[in-house]
């Protein structure tokens, strides 16, 4: 393989890694707004038809279980779109990203997730999970083919995350 071809492959892998990262960003951003009446189509377009979504570990295996196929994953998310609303506020933060591109059609990544949620009933929680996600390129777009989330910790928080008081700023 000549130097130009090696360079093309390296640039292709970098672009693929960036697109995979973008897919995860879009997934988390959509999950931030998962609420009553939410349109699930944009979220479901991020998954392959044969995707697997799985909670792992003692807590998440029991809470979320394993969903096989896009229809089963949609059914899981659909519960969050029915009245009454589940979340009053939900924000996902991703860190410690590591993306590996295995081929032109296969990639995988890991992230550490921090989630701040206030539920409709007023309770709040801070959660962290390790995400291990496989991706497959279909019709020119990277999609999630396997999503695994393993709980690291979950902790109740005594007050809602969003406080309505004005922000403290220096006086003029």
N, C-alpha and C. Protein backbone atom coordinates (compact mmCIF):
# COMPACT_ATOMS: atom_id res chain seq x y z
N UNK A 1 0.85 -1.17 0.00
CA UNK A 1 0.00 0.00 0.00
C UNK A 1 0.91 1.24 0.00
N UNK A 2 0.59 2.15 -0.89
CA UNK A 2 1.44 3.35 -0.98
C UNK A 2 1.04 4.39 0.08
N UNK A 3 1.88 5.37 0.20
CA UNK A 3 1.71 6.38 1.24
C UNK A 3 0.40 7.15 1.10
N UNK A 4 0.01 7.46 -0.14
CA UNK A 4 -1.24 8.19 -0.36
C UNK A 4 -2.44 7.36 0.09
N UNK A 5 -2.44 6.07 -0.20
CA UNK A 5 -3.53 5.20 0.21
C UNK A 5 -3.59 5.07 1.74
N UNK A 6 -2.42 4.99 2.37
CA UNK A 6 -2.38 4.95 3.83
C UNK A 6 -2.97 6.22 4.43
N UNK A 7 -2.65 7.34 3.84
CA UNK A 7 -3.18 8.62 4.30
C UNK A 7 -4.69 8.67 4.12
N UNK A 8 -5.19 8.19 3.00
CA UNK A 8 -6.64 8.15 2.76
C UNK A 8 -7.34 7.29 3.82
N UNK A 9 -6.76 6.16 4.15
CA UNK A 9 -7.35 5.28 5.15
C UNK A 9 -7.36 5.94 6.53
N UNK A 10 -6.27 6.60 6.86
CA UNK A 10 -6.19 7.27 8.16
C UNK A 10 -7.21 8.40 8.25
N UNK A 11 -7.33 9.20 7.21
CA UNK A 11 -8.31 10.29 7.21
C UNK A 11 -9.72 9.72 7.26
N UNK A 12 -9.97 8.64 6.53
CA UNK A 12 -11.28 7.99 6.56
C UNK A 12 -11.63 7.50 7.96
N UNK A 13 -10.65 6.93 8.65
CA UNK A 13 -10.88 6.44 10.02
C UNK A 13 -11.16 7.61 10.97
N UNK A 14 -10.44 8.71 10.80
CA UNK A 14 -10.68 9.90 11.64
C UNK A 14 -12.08 10.47 11.39
N UNK A 15 -12.48 10.55 10.13
CA UNK A 15 -13.81 11.04 9.81
C UNK A 15 -14.88 10.11 10.37
N UNK A 16 -14.66 8.80 10.27
CA UNK A 16 -15.62 7.83 10.80
C UNK A 16 -15.75 7.98 12.31
N UNK A 17 -14.63 8.13 13.01
CA UNK A 17 -14.66 8.30 14.46
C UNK A 17 -15.44 9.56 14.83
N UNK A 18 -15.25 10.60 14.08
CA UNK A 18 -15.98 11.86 14.34
C UNK A 18 -17.48 11.66 14.13
N UNK A 19 -17.86 10.93 13.09
CA UNK A 19 -19.28 10.67 12.82
C UNK A 19 -19.90 9.77 13.89
N UNK A 20 -19.14 8.79 14.36
CA UNK A 20 -19.61 7.93 15.45
C UNK A 20 -19.86 8.77 16.71
N UNK A 21 -18.92 9.63 17.03
CA UNK A 21 -19.07 10.53 18.16
C UNK A 21 -20.30 11.42 17.99
N UNK A 22 -20.52 11.88 16.78
CA UNK A 22 -21.70 12.71 16.49
C UNK A 22 -23.00 11.95 16.68
N UNK A 23 -23.00 10.68 16.33
CA UNK A 23 -24.18 9.83 16.53
C UNK A 23 -24.50 9.73 18.03
N UNK A 24 -23.48 9.52 18.85
CA UNK A 24 -23.71 9.44 20.30
C UNK A 24 -24.19 10.78 20.85
N UNK A 25 -23.61 11.86 20.37
CA UNK A 25 -24.04 13.19 20.81
C UNK A 25 -25.52 13.39 20.49
N UNK A 26 -25.92 13.03 19.28
CA UNK A 26 -27.32 13.19 18.89
C UNK A 26 -28.23 12.32 19.74
N UNK A 27 -27.81 11.08 20.01
CA UNK A 27 -28.59 10.18 20.85
C UNK A 27 -28.83 10.81 22.23
N UNK A 28 -27.76 11.28 22.86
CA UNK A 28 -27.88 11.86 24.20
C UNK A 28 -28.71 13.14 24.19
N UNK A 29 -28.54 13.95 23.17
CA UNK A 29 -29.30 15.19 23.09
C UNK A 29 -30.80 14.89 22.95
N UNK A 30 -31.14 13.90 22.14
CA UNK A 30 -32.55 13.52 22.01
C UNK A 30 -33.08 12.96 23.33
N UNK A 31 -32.27 12.16 24.03
CA UNK A 31 -32.70 11.61 25.32
C UNK A 31 -32.92 12.71 26.36
N UNK A 32 -32.20 13.82 26.23
CA UNK A 32 -32.40 14.95 27.14
C UNK A 32 -33.83 15.50 27.05
N UNK A 33 -34.45 15.34 25.90
CA UNK A 33 -35.79 15.91 25.68
C UNK A 33 -36.87 14.84 25.57
N UNK A 34 -36.55 13.62 25.94
CA UNK A 34 -37.51 12.53 25.94
C UNK A 34 -38.60 12.86 26.95
N UNK A 35 -39.78 13.15 26.45
CA UNK A 35 -40.84 13.66 27.31
C UNK A 35 -42.19 13.30 26.70
N UNK A 36 -43.22 13.68 27.39
CA UNK A 36 -44.58 13.44 26.94
C UNK A 36 -44.78 13.98 25.53
N UNK A 37 -45.25 13.13 24.61
CA UNK A 37 -45.50 13.54 23.24
C UNK A 37 -44.27 13.60 22.33
N UNK A 38 -43.11 13.22 22.84
CA UNK A 38 -41.85 13.27 22.07
C UNK A 38 -41.95 12.39 20.82
N UNK A 39 -41.49 12.90 19.69
CA UNK A 39 -41.46 12.14 18.44
C UNK A 39 -40.26 11.20 18.46
N UNK A 40 -40.50 9.92 18.53
CA UNK A 40 -39.42 8.93 18.63
C UNK A 40 -38.70 8.66 17.31
N UNK A 41 -39.24 9.09 16.19
CA UNK A 41 -38.63 8.76 14.90
C UNK A 41 -37.17 9.21 14.79
N UNK A 42 -36.82 10.46 15.12
CA UNK A 42 -35.41 10.85 15.01
C UNK A 42 -34.49 9.99 15.89
N UNK A 43 -34.96 9.61 17.07
CA UNK A 43 -34.16 8.77 17.95
C UNK A 43 -34.00 7.37 17.35
N UNK A 44 -35.07 6.81 16.85
CA UNK A 44 -35.01 5.45 16.31
C UNK A 44 -34.20 5.37 15.01
N UNK A 45 -34.08 6.46 14.30
CA UNK A 45 -33.26 6.49 13.09
C UNK A 45 -31.77 6.32 13.40
N UNK A 46 -31.40 6.45 14.67
CA UNK A 46 -30.00 6.27 15.08
C UNK A 46 -29.64 4.80 15.30
N UNK A 47 -30.62 3.90 15.24
CA UNK A 47 -30.40 2.47 15.49
C UNK A 47 -30.52 1.66 14.21
N UNK A 48 -29.73 0.58 14.15
CA UNK A 48 -29.91 -0.40 13.08
C UNK A 48 -31.19 -1.18 13.37
N UNK A 49 -31.76 -1.79 12.37
CA UNK A 49 -33.01 -2.54 12.54
C UNK A 49 -32.85 -3.68 13.54
N UNK A 50 -31.66 -4.29 13.58
CA UNK A 50 -31.42 -5.43 14.47
C UNK A 50 -30.67 -5.05 15.74
N UNK A 51 -30.73 -3.79 16.11
CA UNK A 51 -29.97 -3.28 17.26
C UNK A 51 -30.37 -3.96 18.56
N UNK A 52 -29.44 -3.92 19.50
CA UNK A 52 -29.67 -4.41 20.86
C UNK A 52 -29.40 -3.25 21.81
N UNK A 53 -30.32 -3.04 22.76
CA UNK A 53 -30.15 -2.04 23.82
C UNK A 53 -30.23 -2.80 25.13
N UNK A 54 -29.18 -2.65 25.96
CA UNK A 54 -29.08 -3.52 27.13
C UNK A 54 -28.56 -2.78 28.35
N UNK A 55 -29.24 -2.99 29.46
CA UNK A 55 -28.75 -2.56 30.76
C UNK A 55 -27.96 -3.71 31.36
N UNK A 56 -26.77 -3.42 31.86
CA UNK A 56 -25.92 -4.48 32.43
C UNK A 56 -25.63 -4.18 33.90
N UNK A 57 -25.18 -5.21 34.58
CA UNK A 57 -24.89 -5.07 36.00
C UNK A 57 -26.15 -5.29 36.81
N UNK A 58 -25.96 -5.42 38.12
CA UNK A 58 -27.06 -5.76 39.01
C UNK A 58 -28.23 -4.77 38.89
N UNK A 59 -27.95 -3.49 38.92
CA UNK A 59 -29.02 -2.50 38.92
C UNK A 59 -29.65 -2.31 37.53
N UNK A 60 -28.84 -2.11 36.49
CA UNK A 60 -29.40 -1.77 35.19
C UNK A 60 -29.98 -2.98 34.45
N UNK A 61 -29.46 -4.16 34.72
CA UNK A 61 -30.05 -5.36 34.10
C UNK A 61 -31.49 -5.52 34.59
N UNK A 62 -31.72 -5.29 35.88
CA UNK A 62 -33.06 -5.42 36.44
C UNK A 62 -33.96 -4.25 36.02
N UNK A 63 -33.40 -3.04 35.97
CA UNK A 63 -34.19 -1.86 35.65
C UNK A 63 -34.57 -1.79 34.18
N UNK A 64 -33.58 -1.99 33.30
CA UNK A 64 -33.80 -1.79 31.86
C UNK A 64 -33.92 -3.09 31.07
N UNK A 65 -33.22 -4.12 31.50
CA UNK A 65 -33.25 -5.38 30.77
C UNK A 65 -32.57 -5.28 29.42
N UNK A 66 -32.94 -6.19 28.54
CA UNK A 66 -32.33 -6.28 27.21
C UNK A 66 -33.44 -6.19 26.17
N UNK A 67 -33.25 -5.34 25.19
CA UNK A 67 -34.22 -5.15 24.10
C UNK A 67 -33.53 -5.51 22.79
N UNK A 68 -34.14 -6.39 22.04
CA UNK A 68 -33.57 -6.82 20.77
C UNK A 68 -34.47 -6.37 19.63
N UNK A 69 -33.88 -5.63 18.70
CA UNK A 69 -34.61 -5.13 17.54
C UNK A 69 -35.15 -3.73 17.77
N UNK A 70 -35.25 -3.01 16.68
CA UNK A 70 -35.68 -1.61 16.73
C UNK A 70 -37.08 -1.47 17.32
N UNK A 71 -37.99 -2.39 17.03
CA UNK A 71 -39.35 -2.30 17.56
C UNK A 71 -39.35 -2.42 19.08
N UNK A 72 -38.55 -3.31 19.63
CA UNK A 72 -38.48 -3.49 21.09
C UNK A 72 -37.85 -2.27 21.75
N UNK A 73 -36.85 -1.69 21.11
CA UNK A 73 -36.20 -0.48 21.65
C UNK A 73 -37.19 0.68 21.63
N UNK A 74 -37.92 0.81 20.55
CA UNK A 74 -38.95 1.87 20.45
C UNK A 74 -39.98 1.71 21.57
N UNK A 75 -40.42 0.49 21.81
CA UNK A 75 -41.42 0.24 22.85
C UNK A 75 -40.89 0.67 24.22
N UNK A 76 -39.60 0.44 24.48
CA UNK A 76 -39.00 0.85 25.76
C UNK A 76 -39.04 2.38 25.89
N UNK A 77 -38.60 3.08 24.84
CA UNK A 77 -38.59 4.54 24.89
C UNK A 77 -39.99 5.13 24.88
N UNK A 78 -40.94 4.45 24.26
CA UNK A 78 -42.31 4.97 24.16
C UNK A 78 -42.93 5.20 25.53
N UNK A 79 -42.54 4.40 26.53
CA UNK A 79 -43.08 4.58 27.88
C UNK A 79 -42.77 5.97 28.43
N UNK A 80 -41.66 6.57 27.99
CA UNK A 80 -41.27 7.89 28.48
C UNK A 80 -42.04 9.01 27.80
N UNK A 81 -42.78 8.69 26.74
CA UNK A 81 -43.50 9.71 25.97
C UNK A 81 -44.97 9.78 26.33
N UNK A 82 -45.42 8.90 27.22
CA UNK A 82 -46.83 8.87 27.62
C UNK A 82 -47.06 9.77 28.82
N UNK A 83 -48.26 10.34 28.92
CA UNK A 83 -48.56 11.12 30.12
C UNK A 83 -48.72 10.20 31.32
N UNK A 84 -48.39 10.64 32.50
CA UNK A 84 -47.78 11.94 32.80
C UNK A 84 -46.28 11.92 32.47
N UNK A 85 -45.71 13.09 32.32
CA UNK A 85 -44.29 13.20 32.01
C UNK A 85 -43.45 12.50 33.08
N UNK A 86 -42.37 11.87 32.67
CA UNK A 86 -41.47 11.20 33.61
C UNK A 86 -40.43 12.17 34.17
N UNK A 87 -39.87 13.01 33.29
CA UNK A 87 -38.81 13.94 33.69
C UNK A 87 -39.31 15.38 33.69
N UNK A 88 -38.86 16.15 34.68
CA UNK A 88 -39.01 17.60 34.65
C UNK A 88 -37.75 18.21 34.03
N UNK A 89 -36.61 17.54 34.23
CA UNK A 89 -35.32 17.96 33.67
C UNK A 89 -34.47 16.71 33.53
N UNK A 90 -33.77 16.62 32.41
CA UNK A 90 -32.90 15.47 32.17
C UNK A 90 -31.73 15.93 31.31
N UNK A 91 -30.51 15.79 31.82
CA UNK A 91 -29.32 16.22 31.08
C UNK A 91 -28.28 15.12 31.16
N UNK A 92 -27.76 14.73 29.99
CA UNK A 92 -26.72 13.70 29.90
C UNK A 92 -25.39 14.36 29.53
N UNK A 93 -24.33 13.99 30.24
CA UNK A 93 -22.98 14.47 29.96
C UNK A 93 -22.12 13.26 29.61
N UNK A 94 -21.39 13.34 28.51
CA UNK A 94 -20.49 12.26 28.12
C UNK A 94 -19.05 12.71 28.29
N UNK A 95 -18.21 11.80 28.78
CA UNK A 95 -16.79 12.08 28.94
C UNK A 95 -16.00 10.80 28.71
N UNK A 96 -14.69 10.93 28.73
CA UNK A 96 -13.77 9.79 28.59
C UNK A 96 -14.05 8.98 27.33
N UNK A 97 -14.27 9.68 26.24
CA UNK A 97 -14.59 9.03 24.97
C UNK A 97 -13.39 8.27 24.40
N UNK A 98 -13.68 7.07 23.92
CA UNK A 98 -12.69 6.31 23.17
C UNK A 98 -13.43 5.62 22.03
N UNK A 99 -13.12 6.00 20.80
CA UNK A 99 -13.76 5.43 19.61
C UNK A 99 -12.70 4.69 18.80
N UNK A 100 -13.04 3.47 18.43
CA UNK A 100 -12.16 2.66 17.59
C UNK A 100 -12.92 2.27 16.33
N UNK A 101 -12.34 2.60 15.19
CA UNK A 101 -12.94 2.24 13.90
C UNK A 101 -12.28 0.94 13.46
N UNK A 102 -13.07 -0.11 13.32
CA UNK A 102 -12.55 -1.43 12.97
C UNK A 102 -12.48 -1.66 11.47
N UNK A 103 -13.39 -1.04 10.74
CA UNK A 103 -13.44 -1.19 9.28
C UNK A 103 -14.28 -0.05 8.72
N UNK A 104 -14.55 -0.09 7.44
CA UNK A 104 -15.38 0.95 6.83
C UNK A 104 -16.83 0.87 7.30
N UNK A 105 -17.22 -0.26 7.91
CA UNK A 105 -18.61 -0.44 8.32
C UNK A 105 -18.79 -0.79 9.79
N UNK A 106 -17.71 -0.96 10.55
CA UNK A 106 -17.82 -1.36 11.96
C UNK A 106 -16.96 -0.46 12.83
N UNK A 107 -17.54 -0.02 13.95
CA UNK A 107 -16.81 0.81 14.92
C UNK A 107 -17.40 0.55 16.30
N UNK A 108 -16.67 0.96 17.32
CA UNK A 108 -17.14 0.82 18.70
C UNK A 108 -16.60 1.97 19.52
N UNK A 109 -17.30 2.26 20.60
CA UNK A 109 -16.85 3.33 21.47
C UNK A 109 -17.25 3.08 22.91
N UNK A 110 -16.52 3.72 23.82
CA UNK A 110 -16.87 3.70 25.22
C UNK A 110 -16.90 5.14 25.72
N UNK A 111 -17.78 5.37 26.66
CA UNK A 111 -17.93 6.68 27.29
C UNK A 111 -18.28 6.49 28.75
N UNK A 112 -18.01 7.50 29.55
CA UNK A 112 -18.55 7.57 30.90
C UNK A 112 -19.68 8.59 30.83
N UNK A 113 -20.83 8.19 31.33
CA UNK A 113 -22.02 9.03 31.31
C UNK A 113 -22.29 9.57 32.71
N UNK A 114 -22.63 10.83 32.79
CA UNK A 114 -23.14 11.44 34.01
C UNK A 114 -24.51 12.00 33.64
N UNK A 115 -25.52 11.63 34.39
CA UNK A 115 -26.89 12.06 34.11
C UNK A 115 -27.45 12.76 35.33
N UNK A 116 -27.95 13.98 35.10
CA UNK A 116 -28.64 14.72 36.15
C UNK A 116 -30.11 14.75 35.77
N UNK A 117 -30.94 14.23 36.63
CA UNK A 117 -32.37 14.17 36.33
C UNK A 117 -33.19 14.69 37.50
N UNK A 118 -34.23 15.43 37.19
CA UNK A 118 -35.28 15.76 38.13
C UNK A 118 -36.55 15.15 37.54
N UNK A 119 -37.20 14.35 38.33
CA UNK A 119 -38.39 13.65 37.85
C UNK A 119 -39.62 14.53 38.04
N UNK A 120 -40.68 14.20 37.36
CA UNK A 120 -41.91 15.00 37.42
C UNK A 120 -42.46 15.06 38.84
N UNK A 121 -42.17 14.05 39.65
CA UNK A 121 -42.67 14.06 41.03
C UNK A 121 -41.80 14.89 41.98
N UNK A 122 -40.74 15.55 41.44
CA UNK A 122 -39.91 16.44 42.23
C UNK A 122 -38.62 15.82 42.75
N UNK A 123 -38.51 14.48 42.73
CA UNK A 123 -37.26 13.85 43.16
C UNK A 123 -36.17 14.13 42.13
N UNK A 124 -34.93 14.19 42.59
CA UNK A 124 -33.78 14.38 41.70
C UNK A 124 -32.76 13.28 41.94
N UNK A 125 -31.94 13.04 40.92
CA UNK A 125 -30.95 11.97 41.02
C UNK A 125 -29.74 12.29 40.16
N UNK A 126 -28.60 11.85 40.64
CA UNK A 126 -27.35 11.91 39.91
C UNK A 126 -26.94 10.47 39.62
N UNK A 127 -26.70 10.16 38.36
CA UNK A 127 -26.34 8.81 37.97
C UNK A 127 -25.11 8.83 37.09
N UNK A 128 -24.34 7.74 37.16
CA UNK A 128 -23.20 7.57 36.28
C UNK A 128 -23.22 6.15 35.74
N UNK A 129 -22.80 6.01 34.48
CA UNK A 129 -22.77 4.69 33.85
C UNK A 129 -21.60 4.62 32.88
N UNK A 130 -21.15 3.41 32.65
CA UNK A 130 -20.17 3.14 31.61
C UNK A 130 -20.96 2.69 30.38
N UNK A 131 -20.75 3.37 29.27
CA UNK A 131 -21.42 3.01 28.02
C UNK A 131 -20.44 2.31 27.11
N UNK A 132 -20.87 1.21 26.55
CA UNK A 132 -20.10 0.46 25.56
C UNK A 132 -21.03 0.29 24.36
N UNK A 133 -20.66 0.90 23.24
CA UNK A 133 -21.58 0.99 22.11
C UNK A 133 -20.90 0.54 20.82
N UNK A 134 -21.58 -0.33 20.08
CA UNK A 134 -21.11 -0.76 18.77
C UNK A 134 -21.91 -0.03 17.70
N UNK A 135 -21.25 0.27 16.61
CA UNK A 135 -21.86 1.02 15.50
C UNK A 135 -21.65 0.26 14.20
N UNK A 136 -22.61 0.44 13.29
CA UNK A 136 -22.48 -0.12 11.94
C UNK A 136 -22.88 0.97 10.95
N UNK A 137 -22.12 1.07 9.89
CA UNK A 137 -22.42 2.05 8.86
C UNK A 137 -23.41 1.43 7.88
N UNK A 138 -24.56 2.09 7.75
CA UNK A 138 -25.60 1.64 6.85
C UNK A 138 -26.06 2.79 5.98
N UNK A 139 -26.03 2.59 4.68
CA UNK A 139 -26.47 3.61 3.72
C UNK A 139 -25.77 4.94 3.98
N UNK A 140 -24.46 4.87 4.26
CA UNK A 140 -23.65 6.07 4.44
C UNK A 140 -23.77 6.75 5.80
N UNK A 141 -24.47 6.11 6.74
CA UNK A 141 -24.65 6.74 8.06
C UNK A 141 -24.30 5.75 9.16
N UNK A 142 -23.55 6.23 10.16
CA UNK A 142 -23.23 5.39 11.31
C UNK A 142 -24.45 5.31 12.22
N UNK A 143 -24.78 4.06 12.62
CA UNK A 143 -25.93 3.82 13.49
C UNK A 143 -25.52 2.92 14.64
N UNK A 144 -26.27 2.99 15.70
CA UNK A 144 -26.02 2.15 16.88
C UNK A 144 -26.53 0.75 16.61
N UNK A 145 -25.65 -0.24 16.73
CA UNK A 145 -26.06 -1.63 16.55
C UNK A 145 -26.15 -2.37 17.90
N UNK A 146 -25.45 -1.86 18.89
CA UNK A 146 -25.53 -2.45 20.24
C UNK A 146 -25.18 -1.36 21.25
N UNK A 147 -26.08 -1.13 22.19
CA UNK A 147 -25.91 -0.11 23.21
C UNK A 147 -25.97 -0.81 24.56
N UNK A 148 -24.88 -0.75 25.31
CA UNK A 148 -24.82 -1.36 26.64
C UNK A 148 -24.50 -0.28 27.67
N UNK A 149 -25.30 -0.22 28.71
CA UNK A 149 -25.08 0.73 29.79
C UNK A 149 -24.96 -0.03 31.10
N UNK A 150 -23.88 0.24 31.82
CA UNK A 150 -23.62 -0.42 33.10
C UNK A 150 -23.53 0.65 34.18
N UNK A 151 -24.37 0.52 35.19
CA UNK A 151 -24.42 1.51 36.26
C UNK A 151 -23.10 1.57 37.01
N UNK A 152 -22.63 2.78 37.25
CA UNK A 152 -21.47 3.00 38.12
C UNK A 152 -21.96 3.45 39.50
N UNK A 153 -22.89 4.41 39.52
CA UNK A 153 -23.53 4.81 40.77
C UNK A 153 -24.81 5.56 40.46
N UNK A 154 -25.70 5.60 41.43
CA UNK A 154 -26.93 6.38 41.39
C UNK A 154 -27.13 6.95 42.78
N UNK A 155 -27.45 8.23 42.84
CA UNK A 155 -27.57 8.88 44.15
C UNK A 155 -28.72 9.88 44.13
N UNK A 156 -29.63 9.76 45.08
CA UNK A 156 -30.68 10.77 45.19
C UNK A 156 -30.07 12.11 45.56
N UNK A 157 -30.67 13.17 45.09
CA UNK A 157 -30.26 14.53 45.40
C UNK A 157 -31.45 15.21 46.06
N UNK A 158 -31.21 15.97 47.10
CA UNK A 158 -32.30 16.49 47.93
C UNK A 158 -33.09 17.64 47.31
N UNK A 159 -32.53 18.34 46.35
CA UNK A 159 -33.27 19.45 45.75
C UNK A 159 -33.21 19.32 44.23
N UNK A 160 -34.18 19.94 43.55
CA UNK A 160 -34.16 19.88 42.08
C UNK A 160 -32.87 20.48 41.52
N UNK A 161 -32.47 20.00 40.35
CA UNK A 161 -31.24 20.49 39.73
C UNK A 161 -31.36 21.94 39.31
N UNK A 162 -32.50 22.33 38.83
CA UNK A 162 -32.67 23.71 38.35
C UNK A 162 -33.32 24.54 39.43
N UNK A 163 -32.63 25.56 39.88
CA UNK A 163 -33.13 26.45 40.91
C UNK A 163 -33.64 27.74 40.24
N UNK A 164 -34.86 28.17 40.52
CA UNK A 164 -35.42 29.35 39.83
C UNK A 164 -34.83 30.68 40.28
N UNK A 165 -34.00 30.69 41.29
CA UNK A 165 -33.44 31.96 41.78
C UNK A 165 -32.50 32.54 40.73
N UNK A 166 -32.37 33.88 40.72
CA UNK A 166 -31.45 34.52 39.77
C UNK A 166 -30.02 34.06 40.02
N UNK A 167 -29.24 34.04 38.97
CA UNK A 167 -27.83 33.67 39.09
C UNK A 167 -27.06 34.76 39.82
N UNK A 168 -26.13 34.39 40.69
CA UNK A 168 -25.31 35.40 41.35
C UNK A 168 -24.27 35.94 40.37
N UNK A 169 -24.27 37.24 40.21
CA UNK A 169 -23.27 37.88 39.34
C UNK A 169 -22.68 39.08 40.07
N UNK A 170 -21.47 39.50 39.71
CA UNK A 170 -20.89 40.68 40.37
C UNK A 170 -21.75 41.92 40.14
N UNK A 171 -21.81 42.77 41.15
CA UNK A 171 -22.57 44.02 41.04
C UNK A 171 -21.73 45.05 40.32
N UNK A 172 -22.41 45.93 39.62
CA UNK A 172 -21.72 46.99 38.90
C UNK A 172 -21.28 48.10 39.79
